[in-house]
């Protein structure tokens, strides 16, 4: 499991890549990744391309991020989901709260 954060050249998009299992073990690292964001950012992308597993604590972390960044970020996207991850997000109705592709 690992977490990588990068910012676009124009400084408007922050990408958080989650690799491996997105579970309770990521709580502090994930919180640190979005807490370090300063100023106004247009978009945050949570890239789940290499995420193999997601549990309910990961869903909670996404909701906490959304709540914490409300008013500072215009859009939060969850991208590159594997079919099983996308299904979890849809069953949990996260497609109503986040832009998922």
N, C-alpha and C. Protein backbone atom coordinates (compact mmCIF):
# COMPACT_ATOMS: atom_id res chain seq x y z
N UNK A 1 0.83 -1.18 0.00
CA UNK A 1 0.00 0.00 0.00
C UNK A 1 0.87 1.24 0.00
N UNK A 2 0.47 2.20 -0.81
CA UNK A 2 1.19 3.47 -0.84
C UNK A 2 0.27 4.57 -1.33
N UNK A 3 0.72 5.78 -1.08
CA UNK A 3 -0.05 6.96 -1.44
C UNK A 3 0.91 7.96 -2.06
N UNK A 4 0.50 8.55 -3.19
CA UNK A 4 1.33 9.53 -3.87
C UNK A 4 0.47 10.73 -4.21
N UNK A 5 0.97 11.92 -3.93
CA UNK A 5 0.25 13.15 -4.23
C UNK A 5 1.07 13.99 -5.20
N UNK A 6 0.39 14.53 -6.22
CA UNK A 6 1.06 15.41 -7.17
C UNK A 6 0.14 16.57 -7.52
N UNK A 7 0.76 17.67 -7.94
CA UNK A 7 0.01 18.86 -8.32
C UNK A 7 0.31 19.19 -9.77
N UNK A 8 -0.72 19.59 -10.51
CA UNK A 8 -0.55 19.94 -11.92
C UNK A 8 0.34 21.17 -12.06
N UNK A 9 0.87 21.37 -13.26
CA UNK A 9 1.78 22.49 -13.52
C UNK A 9 1.13 23.84 -13.23
N UNK A 10 -0.18 23.96 -13.49
CA UNK A 10 -0.85 25.23 -13.24
C UNK A 10 -1.31 25.39 -11.79
N UNK A 11 -1.11 24.35 -10.99
CA UNK A 11 -1.45 24.42 -9.58
C UNK A 11 -2.93 24.31 -9.27
N UNK A 12 -3.74 23.97 -10.25
CA UNK A 12 -5.19 23.92 -10.07
C UNK A 12 -5.74 22.53 -9.78
N UNK A 13 -4.93 21.50 -10.03
CA UNK A 13 -5.40 20.13 -9.84
C UNK A 13 -4.40 19.37 -8.97
N UNK A 14 -4.92 18.72 -7.94
CA UNK A 14 -4.12 17.85 -7.08
C UNK A 14 -4.61 16.43 -7.30
N UNK A 15 -3.67 15.52 -7.55
CA UNK A 15 -4.01 14.11 -7.74
C UNK A 15 -3.46 13.30 -6.58
N UNK A 16 -4.32 12.50 -5.98
CA UNK A 16 -3.93 11.60 -4.90
C UNK A 16 -4.08 10.18 -5.44
N UNK A 17 -2.97 9.47 -5.59
CA UNK A 17 -3.00 8.10 -6.10
C UNK A 17 -2.94 7.12 -4.93
N UNK A 18 -3.88 6.20 -4.91
CA UNK A 18 -3.92 5.18 -3.86
C UNK A 18 -3.56 3.84 -4.50
N UNK A 19 -2.55 3.20 -3.95
CA UNK A 19 -2.11 1.91 -4.49
C UNK A 19 -2.28 0.82 -3.43
N UNK A 20 -2.79 -0.33 -3.87
CA UNK A 20 -2.98 -1.45 -2.95
C UNK A 20 -4.34 -1.42 -2.31
N UNK A 21 -4.38 -1.66 -1.01
CA UNK A 21 -5.64 -1.69 -0.26
C UNK A 21 -5.92 -0.32 0.32
N UNK A 22 -7.10 0.20 0.00
CA UNK A 22 -7.55 1.48 0.53
C UNK A 22 -8.43 1.16 1.74
N UNK A 23 -7.81 1.15 2.91
CA UNK A 23 -8.51 0.74 4.12
C UNK A 23 -8.06 1.58 5.31
N UNK A 24 -8.41 1.15 6.50
CA UNK A 24 -8.14 1.90 7.73
C UNK A 24 -6.66 2.25 7.91
N UNK A 25 -5.77 1.45 7.37
CA UNK A 25 -4.33 1.72 7.51
C UNK A 25 -3.90 3.00 6.81
N UNK A 26 -4.74 3.53 5.93
CA UNK A 26 -4.43 4.74 5.18
C UNK A 26 -4.95 6.02 5.84
N UNK A 27 -5.64 5.92 6.94
CA UNK A 27 -6.32 7.09 7.51
C UNK A 27 -5.38 8.28 7.66
N UNK A 28 -4.29 8.13 8.35
CA UNK A 28 -3.39 9.26 8.59
C UNK A 28 -2.73 9.76 7.31
N UNK A 29 -2.27 8.85 6.47
CA UNK A 29 -1.61 9.25 5.22
C UNK A 29 -2.58 9.99 4.30
N UNK A 30 -3.80 9.47 4.19
CA UNK A 30 -4.78 10.10 3.31
C UNK A 30 -5.16 11.47 3.83
N UNK A 31 -5.39 11.58 5.12
CA UNK A 31 -5.72 12.88 5.72
C UNK A 31 -4.59 13.88 5.51
N UNK A 32 -3.37 13.43 5.68
CA UNK A 32 -2.21 14.31 5.47
C UNK A 32 -2.13 14.79 4.02
N UNK A 33 -2.47 13.91 3.08
CA UNK A 33 -2.39 14.25 1.66
C UNK A 33 -3.29 15.41 1.30
N UNK A 34 -4.52 15.42 1.80
CA UNK A 34 -5.41 16.54 1.45
C UNK A 34 -5.32 17.70 2.43
N UNK A 35 -4.86 17.47 3.64
CA UNK A 35 -4.72 18.56 4.61
C UNK A 35 -3.60 19.51 4.23
N UNK A 36 -2.64 19.01 3.47
CA UNK A 36 -1.50 19.83 3.07
C UNK A 36 -1.85 20.79 1.93
N UNK A 37 -3.03 20.66 1.36
CA UNK A 37 -3.43 21.51 0.24
C UNK A 37 -3.71 22.91 0.76
N UNK A 38 -3.04 23.88 0.13
CA UNK A 38 -3.20 25.27 0.54
C UNK A 38 -3.82 26.07 -0.59
N UNK A 39 -4.50 27.13 -0.26
CA UNK A 39 -5.10 27.98 -1.26
C UNK A 39 -6.31 27.33 -1.89
N UNK A 40 -6.75 27.93 -2.99
CA UNK A 40 -7.92 27.37 -3.67
C UNK A 40 -7.46 26.49 -4.82
N UNK A 41 -7.98 25.30 -4.84
CA UNK A 41 -7.68 24.31 -5.87
C UNK A 41 -8.97 24.08 -6.64
N UNK A 42 -8.88 23.97 -7.94
CA UNK A 42 -10.08 23.73 -8.73
C UNK A 42 -10.56 22.29 -8.57
N UNK A 43 -9.64 21.32 -8.71
CA UNK A 43 -10.04 19.91 -8.73
C UNK A 43 -9.08 19.05 -7.94
N UNK A 44 -9.66 18.09 -7.21
CA UNK A 44 -8.87 17.02 -6.60
C UNK A 44 -9.29 15.74 -7.29
N UNK A 45 -8.31 14.98 -7.74
CA UNK A 45 -8.57 13.69 -8.36
C UNK A 45 -8.03 12.60 -7.44
N UNK A 46 -8.89 11.70 -7.03
CA UNK A 46 -8.47 10.53 -6.26
C UNK A 46 -8.36 9.40 -7.29
N UNK A 47 -7.13 9.06 -7.64
CA UNK A 47 -6.86 8.07 -8.68
C UNK A 47 -6.77 6.67 -8.05
N UNK A 48 -7.73 5.83 -8.42
CA UNK A 48 -7.79 4.47 -7.85
C UNK A 48 -7.36 3.41 -8.86
N UNK A 49 -6.57 3.80 -9.83
CA UNK A 49 -6.09 2.90 -10.88
C UNK A 49 -5.43 1.64 -10.32
N UNK A 50 -4.66 1.80 -9.27
CA UNK A 50 -3.93 0.67 -8.70
C UNK A 50 -4.48 0.24 -7.34
N UNK A 51 -5.75 0.58 -7.09
CA UNK A 51 -6.40 0.18 -5.85
C UNK A 51 -7.07 -1.17 -6.05
N UNK A 52 -6.72 -2.12 -5.22
CA UNK A 52 -7.24 -3.48 -5.35
C UNK A 52 -8.44 -3.75 -4.45
N UNK A 53 -8.55 -2.96 -3.38
CA UNK A 53 -9.55 -3.24 -2.35
C UNK A 53 -9.94 -1.94 -1.69
N UNK A 54 -11.21 -1.80 -1.35
CA UNK A 54 -11.69 -0.63 -0.64
C UNK A 54 -12.72 -1.08 0.39
N UNK A 55 -12.60 -0.58 1.61
CA UNK A 55 -13.58 -0.95 2.64
C UNK A 55 -14.35 0.29 3.09
N UNK A 56 -15.20 0.11 4.08
CA UNK A 56 -16.06 1.20 4.54
C UNK A 56 -15.27 2.36 5.14
N UNK A 57 -14.11 2.08 5.70
CA UNK A 57 -13.31 3.18 6.25
C UNK A 57 -12.79 4.08 5.13
N UNK A 58 -12.53 3.51 3.96
CA UNK A 58 -12.10 4.32 2.81
C UNK A 58 -13.24 5.23 2.37
N UNK A 59 -14.46 4.71 2.39
CA UNK A 59 -15.62 5.54 2.06
C UNK A 59 -15.73 6.71 3.04
N UNK A 60 -15.52 6.41 4.30
CA UNK A 60 -15.53 7.46 5.33
C UNK A 60 -14.44 8.49 5.11
N UNK A 61 -13.27 8.04 4.69
CA UNK A 61 -12.17 8.97 4.43
C UNK A 61 -12.51 9.91 3.28
N UNK A 62 -13.17 9.38 2.25
CA UNK A 62 -13.57 10.22 1.12
C UNK A 62 -14.60 11.27 1.56
N UNK A 63 -15.55 10.86 2.39
CA UNK A 63 -16.55 11.80 2.90
C UNK A 63 -15.92 12.87 3.79
N UNK A 64 -14.97 12.47 4.63
CA UNK A 64 -14.28 13.44 5.48
C UNK A 64 -13.49 14.44 4.65
N UNK A 65 -12.85 13.96 3.58
CA UNK A 65 -12.11 14.86 2.70
C UNK A 65 -13.06 15.87 2.08
N UNK A 66 -14.20 15.38 1.59
CA UNK A 66 -15.18 16.27 0.97
C UNK A 66 -15.65 17.34 1.97
N UNK A 67 -15.93 16.93 3.18
CA UNK A 67 -16.40 17.86 4.22
C UNK A 67 -15.32 18.87 4.58
N UNK A 68 -14.09 18.41 4.73
CA UNK A 68 -12.98 19.27 5.11
C UNK A 68 -12.68 20.31 4.03
N UNK A 69 -12.78 19.91 2.77
CA UNK A 69 -12.40 20.79 1.67
C UNK A 69 -13.56 21.59 1.08
N UNK A 70 -14.74 21.43 1.64
CA UNK A 70 -15.90 22.18 1.14
C UNK A 70 -15.60 23.68 1.15
N UNK A 71 -15.85 24.32 0.02
CA UNK A 71 -15.60 25.75 -0.09
C UNK A 71 -14.21 26.10 -0.59
N UNK A 72 -13.27 25.15 -0.48
CA UNK A 72 -11.90 25.41 -0.95
C UNK A 72 -11.62 24.72 -2.28
N UNK A 73 -12.41 23.71 -2.60
CA UNK A 73 -12.20 22.93 -3.82
C UNK A 73 -13.51 22.89 -4.60
N UNK A 74 -13.43 23.14 -5.89
CA UNK A 74 -14.65 23.15 -6.72
C UNK A 74 -15.16 21.76 -7.06
N UNK A 75 -14.25 20.81 -7.26
CA UNK A 75 -14.66 19.50 -7.74
C UNK A 75 -13.75 18.41 -7.19
N UNK A 76 -14.34 17.32 -6.75
CA UNK A 76 -13.58 16.14 -6.33
C UNK A 76 -13.98 15.00 -7.25
N UNK A 77 -12.99 14.44 -7.94
CA UNK A 77 -13.24 13.34 -8.87
C UNK A 77 -12.59 12.06 -8.35
N UNK A 78 -13.27 10.96 -8.55
CA UNK A 78 -12.70 9.64 -8.27
C UNK A 78 -12.53 8.99 -9.63
N UNK A 79 -11.30 8.67 -9.98
CA UNK A 79 -11.06 8.21 -11.34
C UNK A 79 -10.34 6.87 -11.41
N UNK A 80 -10.44 6.28 -12.60
CA UNK A 80 -9.74 5.04 -12.94
C UNK A 80 -10.07 3.87 -12.02
N UNK A 81 -11.34 3.74 -11.66
CA UNK A 81 -11.77 2.67 -10.77
C UNK A 81 -11.83 1.34 -11.50
N UNK A 82 -11.36 0.31 -10.85
CA UNK A 82 -11.57 -1.05 -11.35
C UNK A 82 -13.05 -1.38 -11.17
N UNK A 83 -13.58 -2.32 -11.95
CA UNK A 83 -15.02 -2.62 -11.87
C UNK A 83 -15.53 -2.91 -10.45
N UNK A 84 -14.78 -3.68 -9.65
CA UNK A 84 -15.25 -4.02 -8.31
C UNK A 84 -15.27 -2.79 -7.39
N UNK A 85 -14.33 -1.87 -7.59
CA UNK A 85 -14.29 -0.64 -6.79
C UNK A 85 -15.45 0.28 -7.21
N UNK A 86 -15.66 0.39 -8.51
CA UNK A 86 -16.75 1.23 -9.01
C UNK A 86 -18.10 0.73 -8.50
N UNK A 87 -18.25 -0.58 -8.43
CA UNK A 87 -19.50 -1.16 -7.94
C UNK A 87 -19.73 -0.78 -6.47
N UNK A 88 -18.69 -0.84 -5.66
CA UNK A 88 -18.79 -0.45 -4.24
C UNK A 88 -19.24 1.01 -4.14
N UNK A 89 -18.64 1.87 -4.96
CA UNK A 89 -18.98 3.29 -4.94
C UNK A 89 -20.43 3.52 -5.38
N UNK A 90 -20.87 2.78 -6.38
CA UNK A 90 -22.24 2.93 -6.86
C UNK A 90 -23.26 2.41 -5.85
N UNK A 91 -22.98 1.26 -5.25
CA UNK A 91 -23.88 0.70 -4.23
C UNK A 91 -24.00 1.65 -3.05
N UNK A 92 -22.89 2.31 -2.72
CA UNK A 92 -22.87 3.27 -1.61
C UNK A 92 -23.40 4.64 -2.01
N UNK A 93 -23.81 4.77 -3.26
CA UNK A 93 -24.37 6.00 -3.82
C UNK A 93 -23.39 7.16 -3.83
N UNK A 94 -22.11 6.84 -3.91
CA UNK A 94 -21.10 7.89 -3.99
C UNK A 94 -21.13 8.59 -5.33
N UNK A 95 -21.77 7.97 -6.33
CA UNK A 95 -21.89 8.62 -7.63
C UNK A 95 -22.80 9.85 -7.54
N UNK A 96 -23.53 9.99 -6.45
CA UNK A 96 -24.37 11.18 -6.21
C UNK A 96 -23.57 12.29 -5.53
N UNK A 97 -22.47 11.94 -4.89
CA UNK A 97 -21.67 12.90 -4.14
C UNK A 97 -20.38 13.30 -4.85
N UNK A 98 -19.86 12.41 -5.70
CA UNK A 98 -18.59 12.62 -6.38
C UNK A 98 -18.74 12.39 -7.88
N UNK A 99 -17.85 13.00 -8.63
CA UNK A 99 -17.76 12.73 -10.06
C UNK A 99 -16.88 11.48 -10.21
N UNK A 100 -17.46 10.38 -10.66
CA UNK A 100 -16.74 9.12 -10.77
C UNK A 100 -16.61 8.73 -12.23
N UNK A 101 -15.37 8.45 -12.65
CA UNK A 101 -15.17 7.95 -14.02
C UNK A 101 -14.31 6.72 -14.04
